[in-house]
Amino acid sequence: MFGTKQSSEDSAPAASPVDSRHFELFEETPLFIAVLTYLGYAVLIIVGHIRDFMRNWNIEKVPMAAEPIKEVT
């Protein structure tokens, strides 16, 4: 399983010396952080859809993704 180191008897021989010394252990992501991340993505998607809707119905004044370059006179 993840986060457990196998003994040399249970595992196959390593392909290189680097593989035998390489061991990573990650802590579990808290549920609160995972939910906030998904909510953040949902908010961004909803805002994008609202902007697309506003562009299609000519509600948004600048229908481009970026402001146009203004000429200096």
PDB file of N, CA and C in Angstrom:
ATOM      1  N   MET A   1       0.837  -1.182   0.000  1.00  0.00           N
ATOM      2  CA  MET A   1       0.000   0.000   0.000  1.00  0.00           C
ATOM      3  C   MET A   1       0.878   1.241   0.000  1.00  0.00           C
ATOM      4  N   PHE A   2       0.298   2.388  -0.236  1.00  0.00           N
ATOM      5  CA  PHE A   2       1.055   3.623  -0.273  1.00  0.00           C
ATOM      6  C   PHE A   2       1.544   3.977   1.118  1.00  0.00           C
ATOM      7  N   GLY A   3       2.747   4.497   1.195  1.00  0.00           N
ATOM      8  CA  GLY A   3       3.289   4.963   2.454  1.00  0.00           C
ATOM      9  C   GLY A   3       3.935   3.877   3.286  1.00  0.00           C
ATOM     10  N   THR A   4       3.947   2.665   2.785  1.00  0.00           N
ATOM     11  CA  THR A   4       4.618   1.598   3.523  1.00  0.00           C
ATOM     12  C   THR A   4       5.796   1.119   2.708  1.00  0.00           C
ATOM     13  N   LYS A   5       6.868   0.820   3.355  1.00  0.00           N
ATOM     14  CA  LYS A   5       8.065   0.375   2.679  1.00  0.00           C
ATOM     15  C   LYS A   5       8.106  -1.148   2.735  1.00  0.00           C
ATOM     16  N   GLN A   6       8.294  -1.774   1.583  1.00  0.00           N
ATOM     17  CA  GLN A   6       8.330  -3.224   1.521  1.00  0.00           C
ATOM     18  C   GLN A   6       9.734  -3.713   1.853  1.00  0.00           C
ATOM     19  N   SER A   7       9.804  -4.885   2.382  1.00  0.00           N
ATOM     20  CA  SER A   7      11.113  -5.461   2.647  1.00  0.00           C
ATOM     21  C   SER A   7      11.711  -5.946   1.338  1.00  0.00           C
ATOM     22  N   SER A   8      13.010  -6.183   1.323  1.00  0.00           N
ATOM     23  CA  SER A   8      13.684  -6.588   0.100  1.00  0.00           C
ATOM     24  C   SER A   8      13.249  -7.980  -0.340  1.00  0.00           C
ATOM     25  N   GLU A   9      12.723  -8.795   0.565  1.00  0.00           N
ATOM     26  CA  GLU A   9      12.271 -10.131   0.198  1.00  0.00           C
ATOM     27  C   GLU A   9      10.968 -10.078  -0.574  1.00  0.00           C
ATOM     28  N   ASP A  10      10.077  -9.100  -0.269  1.00  0.00           N
ATOM     29  CA  ASP A  10       8.770  -9.021  -0.908  1.00  0.00           C
ATOM     30  C   ASP A  10       8.804  -8.318  -2.253  1.00  0.00           C
ATOM     31  N   SER A  11       9.732  -7.432  -2.470  1.00  0.00           N
ATOM     32  CA  SER A  11       9.734  -6.635  -3.694  1.00  0.00           C
ATOM     33  C   SER A  11      10.694  -7.210  -4.716  1.00  0.00           C
ATOM     34  N   ALA A  12      10.433  -6.840  -5.967  1.00  0.00           N
ATOM     35  CA  ALA A  12      11.317  -7.243  -7.054  1.00  0.00           C
ATOM     36  C   ALA A  12      12.588  -6.422  -6.982  1.00  0.00           C
ATOM     37  N   PRO A  13      13.672  -6.902  -7.565  1.00  0.00           N
ATOM     38  CA  PRO A  13      14.915  -6.114  -7.549  1.00  0.00           C
ATOM     39  C   PRO A  13      14.726  -4.789  -8.272  1.00  0.00           C
ATOM     40  N   ALA A  14      15.342  -3.766  -7.763  1.00  0.00           N
ATOM     41  CA  ALA A  14      15.212  -2.423  -8.326  1.00  0.00           C
ATOM     42  C   ALA A  14      15.921  -2.337  -9.664  1.00  0.00           C
ATOM     43  N   ALA A  15      15.392  -1.478 -10.541  1.00  0.00           N
ATOM     44  CA  ALA A  15      15.974  -1.310 -11.870  1.00  0.00           C
ATOM     45  C   ALA A  15      17.294  -0.554 -11.795  1.00  0.00           C
ATOM     46  N   SER A  16      17.426   0.341 -10.838  1.00  0.00           N
ATOM     47  CA  SER A  16      18.656   1.100 -10.684  1.00  0.00           C
ATOM     48  C   SER A  16      18.850   1.391  -9.202  1.00  0.00           C
ATOM     49  N   PRO A  17      20.053   1.804  -8.802  1.00  0.00           N
ATOM     50  CA  PRO A  17      20.278   2.102  -7.391  1.00  0.00           C
ATOM     51  C   PRO A  17      19.433   3.267  -6.876  1.00  0.00           C
ATOM     52  N   VAL A  18      19.030   4.160  -7.756  1.00  0.00           N
ATOM     53  CA  VAL A  18      18.224   5.299  -7.339  1.00  0.00           C
ATOM     54  C   VAL A  18      16.851   4.823  -6.871  1.00  0.00           C
ATOM     55  N   ASP A  19      16.275   3.826  -7.563  1.00  0.00           N
ATOM     56  CA  ASP A  19      14.945   3.328  -7.210  1.00  0.00           C
ATOM     57  C   ASP A  19      14.922   2.716  -5.815  1.00  0.00           C
ATOM     58  N   SER A  20      15.979   2.074  -5.394  1.00  0.00           N
ATOM     59  CA  SER A  20      15.984   1.417  -4.090  1.00  0.00           C
ATOM     60  C   SER A  20      16.048   2.431  -2.945  1.00  0.00           C
ATOM     61  N   ARG A  21      16.569   3.624  -3.197  1.00  0.00           N
ATOM     62  CA  ARG A  21      16.672   4.640  -2.151  1.00  0.00           C
ATOM     63  C   ARG A  21      15.530   5.639  -2.186  1.00  0.00           C
ATOM     64  N   HIS A  22      14.777   5.653  -3.260  1.00  0.00           N
ATOM     65  CA  HIS A  22      13.728   6.654  -3.447  1.00  0.00           C
ATOM     66  C   HIS A  22      12.456   6.206  -2.747  1.00  0.00           C
ATOM     67  N   PHE A  23      11.979   7.016  -1.812  1.00  0.00           N
ATOM     68  CA  PHE A  23      10.757   6.701  -1.081  1.00  0.00           C
ATOM     69  C   PHE A  23      10.038   8.001  -0.781  1.00  0.00           C
ATOM     70  N   GLU A  24       8.778   8.106  -1.228  1.00  0.00           N
ATOM     71  CA  GLU A  24       7.996   9.316  -0.996  1.00  0.00           C
ATOM     72  C   GLU A  24       6.836   9.002  -0.074  1.00  0.00           C
ATOM     73  N   LEU A  25       6.547   9.929   0.801  1.00  0.00           N
ATOM     74  CA  LEU A  25       5.424   9.779   1.708  1.00  0.00           C
ATOM     75  C   LEU A  25       4.649  11.090   1.700  1.00  0.00           C
ATOM     76  N   PHE A  26       3.377  11.032   1.306  1.00  0.00           N
ATOM     77  CA  PHE A  26       2.534  12.216   1.248  1.00  0.00           C
ATOM     78  C   PHE A  26       1.497  12.139   2.350  1.00  0.00           C
ATOM     79  N   GLU A  27       1.245  13.272   2.985  1.00  0.00           N
ATOM     80  CA  GLU A  27       0.192  13.282   3.994  1.00  0.00           C
ATOM     81  C   GLU A  27      -1.161  13.380   3.305  1.00  0.00           C
ATOM     82  N   GLU A  28      -2.188  12.908   3.960  1.00  0.00           N
ATOM     83  CA  GLU A  28      -3.517  12.912   3.390  1.00  0.00           C
ATOM     84  C   GLU A  28      -4.075  14.333   3.348  1.00  0.00           C
ATOM     85  N   THR A  29      -4.752  14.661   2.241  1.00  0.00           N
ATOM     86  CA  THR A  29      -5.351  15.985   2.098  1.00  0.00           C
ATOM     87  C   THR A  29      -6.584  16.080   2.984  1.00  0.00           C
ATOM     88  N   PRO A  30      -6.679  17.137   3.795  1.00  0.00           N
ATOM     89  CA  PRO A  30      -7.877  17.290   4.626  1.00  0.00           C
ATOM     90  C   PRO A  30      -9.129  17.476   3.763  1.00  0.00           C
ATOM     91  N   LEU A  31     -10.243  16.930   4.221  1.00  0.00           N
ATOM     92  CA  LEU A  31     -11.496  17.006   3.480  1.00  0.00           C
ATOM     93  C   LEU A  31     -11.930  18.450   3.274  1.00  0.00           C
ATOM     94  N   PHE A  32     -11.727  19.306   4.274  1.00  0.00           N
ATOM     95  CA  PHE A  32     -12.102  20.712   4.179  1.00  0.00           C
ATOM     96  C   PHE A  32     -11.376  21.392   3.015  1.00  0.00           C
ATOM     97  N   ILE A  33     -10.098  21.128   2.868  1.00  0.00           N
ATOM     98  CA  ILE A  33      -9.304  21.735   1.787  1.00  0.00           C
ATOM     99  C   ILE A  33      -9.769  21.210   0.432  1.00  0.00           C
ATOM    100  N   ALA A  34     -10.049  19.925   0.342  1.00  0.00           N
ATOM    101  CA  ALA A  34     -10.517  19.346  -0.923  1.00  0.00           C
ATOM    102  C   ALA A  34     -11.857  19.947  -1.334  1.00  0.00           C
ATOM    103  N   VAL A  35     -12.774  20.099  -0.385  1.00  0.00           N
ATOM    104  CA  VAL A  35     -14.088  20.679  -0.693  1.00  0.00           C
ATOM    105  C   VAL A  35     -13.938  22.134  -1.123  1.00  0.00           C
ATOM    106  N   LEU A  36     -13.090  22.895  -0.426  1.00  0.00           N
ATOM    107  CA  LEU A  36     -12.876  24.298  -0.818  1.00  0.00           C
ATOM    108  C   LEU A  36     -12.277  24.403  -2.218  1.00  0.00           C
ATOM    109  N   THR A  37     -11.401  23.497  -2.570  1.00  0.00           N
ATOM    110  CA  THR A  37     -10.807  23.508  -3.908  1.00  0.00           C
ATOM    111  C   THR A  37     -11.873  23.271  -4.965  1.00  0.00           C
ATOM    112  N   TYR A  38     -12.721  22.267  -4.747  1.00  0.00           N
ATOM    113  CA  TYR A  38     -13.793  22.001  -5.705  1.00  0.00           C
ATOM    114  C   TYR A  38     -14.781  23.158  -5.784  1.00  0.00           C
ATOM    115  N   LEU A  39     -15.090  23.782  -4.661  1.00  0.00           N
ATOM    116  CA  LEU A  39     -15.987  24.941  -4.681  1.00  0.00           C
ATOM    117  C   LEU A  39     -15.357  26.106  -5.452  1.00  0.00           C
ATOM    118  N   GLY A  40     -14.053  26.297  -5.294  1.00  0.00           N
ATOM    119  CA  GLY A  40     -13.360  27.348  -6.037  1.00  0.00           C
ATOM    120  C   GLY A  40     -13.432  27.123  -7.535  1.00  0.00           C
ATOM    121  N   TYR A  41     -13.209  25.869  -7.957  1.00  0.00           N
ATOM    122  CA  TYR A  41     -13.328  25.554  -9.379  1.00  0.00           C
ATOM    123  C   TYR A  41     -14.753  25.767  -9.872  1.00  0.00           C
ATOM    124  N   ALA A  42     -15.738  25.389  -9.066  1.00  0.00           N
ATOM    125  CA  ALA A  42     -17.134  25.561  -9.457  1.00  0.00           C
ATOM    126  C   ALA A  42     -17.467  27.039  -9.633  1.00  0.00           C
ATOM    127  N   VAL A  43     -16.973  27.889  -8.738  1.00  0.00           N
ATOM    128  CA  VAL A  43     -17.225  29.332  -8.843  1.00  0.00           C
ATOM    129  C   VAL A  43     -16.598  29.883 -10.127  1.00  0.00           C
ATOM    130  N   LEU A  44     -15.385  29.469 -10.430  1.00  0.00           N
ATOM    131  CA  LEU A  44     -14.736  29.939 -11.659  1.00  0.00           C
ATOM    132  C   LEU A  44     -15.500  29.503 -12.901  1.00  0.00           C
ATOM    133  N   ILE A  45     -15.984  28.276 -12.913  1.00  0.00           N
ATOM    134  CA  ILE A  45     -16.746  27.788 -14.063  1.00  0.00           C
ATOM    135  C   ILE A  45     -18.049  28.563 -14.207  1.00  0.00           C
ATOM    136  N   ILE A  46     -18.740  28.807 -13.099  1.00  0.00           N
ATOM    137  CA  ILE A  46     -20.002  29.550 -13.148  1.00  0.00           C
ATOM    138  C   ILE A  46     -19.777  30.978 -13.638  1.00  0.00           C
ATOM    139  N   VAL A  47     -18.728  31.640 -13.153  1.00  0.00           N
ATOM    140  CA  VAL A  47     -18.425  33.006 -13.607  1.00  0.00           C
ATOM    141  C   VAL A  47     -18.112  33.007 -15.102  1.00  0.00           C
ATOM    142  N   GLY A  48     -17.393  32.005 -15.577  1.00  0.00           N
ATOM    143  CA  GLY A  48     -17.104  31.918 -17.007  1.00  0.00           C
ATOM    144  C   GLY A  48     -18.360  31.751 -17.845  1.00  0.00           C
ATOM    145  N   HIS A  49     -19.284  30.913 -17.359  1.00  0.00           N
ATOM    146  CA  HIS A  49     -20.547  30.729 -18.085  1.00  0.00           C
ATOM    147  C   HIS A  49     -21.383  32.006 -18.075  1.00  0.00           C
ATOM    148  N   ILE A  50     -21.378  32.732 -16.970  1.00  0.00           N
ATOM    149  CA  ILE A  50     -22.120  33.997 -16.906  1.00  0.00           C
ATOM    150  C   ILE A  50     -21.540  35.006 -17.895  1.00  0.00           C
ATOM    151  N   ARG A  51     -20.208  35.060 -17.984  1.00  0.00           N
ATOM    152  CA  ARG A  51     -19.594  35.993 -18.947  1.00  0.00           C
ATOM    153  C   ARG A  51     -19.923  35.595 -20.379  1.00  0.00           C
ATOM    154  N   ASP A  52     -19.919  34.279 -20.672  1.00  0.00           N
ATOM    155  CA  ASP A  52     -20.293  33.826 -22.014  1.00  0.00           C
ATOM    156  C   ASP A  52     -21.737  34.208 -22.329  1.00  0.00           C
ATOM    157  N   PHE A  53     -22.620  34.026 -21.342  1.00  0.00           N
ATOM    158  CA  PHE A  53     -24.029  34.398 -21.525  1.00  0.00           C
ATOM    159  C   PHE A  53     -24.154  35.893 -21.799  1.00  0.00           C
ATOM    160  N   MET A  54     -23.416  36.708 -21.038  1.00  0.00           N
ATOM    161  CA  MET A  54     -23.485  38.161 -21.211  1.00  0.00           C
ATOM    162  C   MET A  54     -22.952  38.576 -22.575  1.00  0.00           C
ATOM    163  N   ARG A  55     -21.913  37.910 -23.070  1.00  0.00           N
ATOM    164  CA  ARG A  55     -21.386  38.225 -24.390  1.00  0.00           C
ATOM    165  C   ARG A  55     -22.390  37.855 -25.477  1.00  0.00           C
ATOM    166  N   ASN A  56     -23.036  36.696 -25.337  1.00  0.00           N
ATOM    167  CA  ASN A  56     -23.988  36.242 -26.358  1.00  0.00           C
ATOM    168  C   ASN A  56     -25.218  37.138 -26.430  1.00  0.00           C
ATOM    169  N   TRP A  57     -25.642  37.712 -25.317  1.00  0.00           N
ATOM    170  CA  TRP A  57     -26.827  38.563 -25.280  1.00  0.00           C
ATOM    171  C   TRP A  57     -26.476  40.049 -25.334  1.00  0.00           C
ATOM    172  N   ASN A  58     -25.233  40.376 -25.667  1.00  0.00           N
ATOM    173  CA  ASN A  58     -24.747  41.753 -25.818  1.00  0.00           C
ATOM    174  C   ASN A  58     -24.977  42.598 -24.565  1.00  0.00           C
ATOM    175  N   ILE A  59     -24.864  42.000 -23.414  1.00  0.00           N
ATOM    176  CA  ILE A  59     -24.986  42.735 -22.159  1.00  0.00           C
ATOM    177  C   ILE A  59     -23.625  43.303 -21.763  1.00  0.00           C
ATOM    178  N   GLU A  60     -22.574  42.543 -22.029  1.00  0.00           N
ATOM    179  CA  GLU A  60     -21.227  42.987 -21.685  1.00  0.00           C
ATOM    180  C   GLU A  60     -20.772  44.033 -22.695  1.00  0.00           C
ATOM    181  N   LYS A  61     -20.194  45.137 -22.193  1.00  0.00           N
ATOM    182  CA  LYS A  61     -19.823  46.239 -23.080  1.00  0.00           C
ATOM    183  C   LYS A  61     -18.666  45.878 -24.000  1.00  0.00           C
ATOM    184  N   VAL A  62     -17.661  45.160 -23.479  1.00  0.00           N
ATOM    185  CA  VAL A  62     -16.506  44.762 -24.288  1.00  0.00           C
ATOM    186  C   VAL A  62     -16.621  43.265 -24.554  1.00  0.00           C
ATOM    187  N   PRO A  63     -17.011  42.868 -25.767  1.00  0.00           N
ATOM    188  CA  PRO A  63     -17.256  41.451 -26.030  1.00  0.00           C
ATOM    189  C   PRO A  63     -15.995  40.627 -26.300  1.00  0.00           C
ATOM    190  N   MET A  64     -14.830  41.170 -25.965  1.00  0.00           N
ATOM    191  CA  MET A  64     -13.587  40.441 -26.185  1.00  0.00           C
ATOM    192  C   MET A  64     -13.050  39.937 -24.851  1.00  0.00           C
ATOM    193  N   ALA A  65     -12.141  38.991 -24.927  1.00  0.00           N
ATOM    194  CA  ALA A  65     -11.535  38.457 -23.712  1.00  0.00           C
ATOM    195  C   ALA A  65     -10.580  39.462 -23.086  1.00  0.00           C
ATOM    196  N   ALA A  66     -10.016  40.355 -23.895  1.00  0.00           N
ATOM    197  CA  ALA A  66      -9.076  41.376 -23.405  1.00  0.00           C
ATOM    198  C   ALA A  66      -9.545  42.752 -23.867  1.00  0.00           C
ATOM    199  N   GLU A  67      -9.157  43.742 -23.122  1.00  0.00           N
ATOM    200  CA  GLU A  67      -9.501  45.119 -23.494  1.00  0.00           C
ATOM    201  C   GLU A  67      -8.777  45.483 -24.787  1.00  0.00           C
ATOM    202  N   PRO A  68      -9.442  46.220 -25.676  1.00  0.00           N
ATOM    203  CA  PRO A  68      -8.784  46.640 -26.902  1.00  0.00           C
ATOM    204  C   PRO A  68      -7.690  47.679 -26.607  1.00  0.00           C
ATOM    205  N   ILE A  69      -6.695  47.711 -27.449  1.00  0.00           N
ATOM    206  CA  ILE A  69      -5.607  48.688 -27.287  1.00  0.00           C
ATOM    207  C   ILE A  69      -6.112  50.039 -27.795  1.00  0.00           C
ATOM    208  N   LYS A  70      -6.041  51.031 -26.934  1.00  0.00           N
ATOM    209  CA  LYS A  70      -6.532  52.356 -27.291  1.00  0.00           C
ATOM    210  C   LYS A  70      -5.413  53.145 -27.954  1.00  0.00           C
ATOM    211  N   GLU A  71      -5.776  53.821 -29.052  1.00  0.00           N
ATOM    212  CA  GLU A  71      -4.797  54.626 -29.775  1.00  0.00           C
ATOM    213  C   GLU A  71      -4.595  55.954 -29.069  1.00  0.00           C
ATOM    214  N   VAL A  72      -3.357  56.359 -28.982  1.00  0.00           N
ATOM    215  CA  VAL A  72      -3.022  57.634 -28.362  1.00  0.00           C
ATOM    216  C   VAL A  72      -2.991  58.682 -29.467  1.00  0.00           C
ATOM    217  N   THR A  73      -3.800  59.736 -29.311  1.00  0.00           N
ATOM    218  CA  THR A  73      -3.819  60.785 -30.345  1.00  0.00           C
ATOM    219  C   THR A  73      -3.272  62.072 -29.813  1.00  0.00           C
TER     220      THR A  73
END
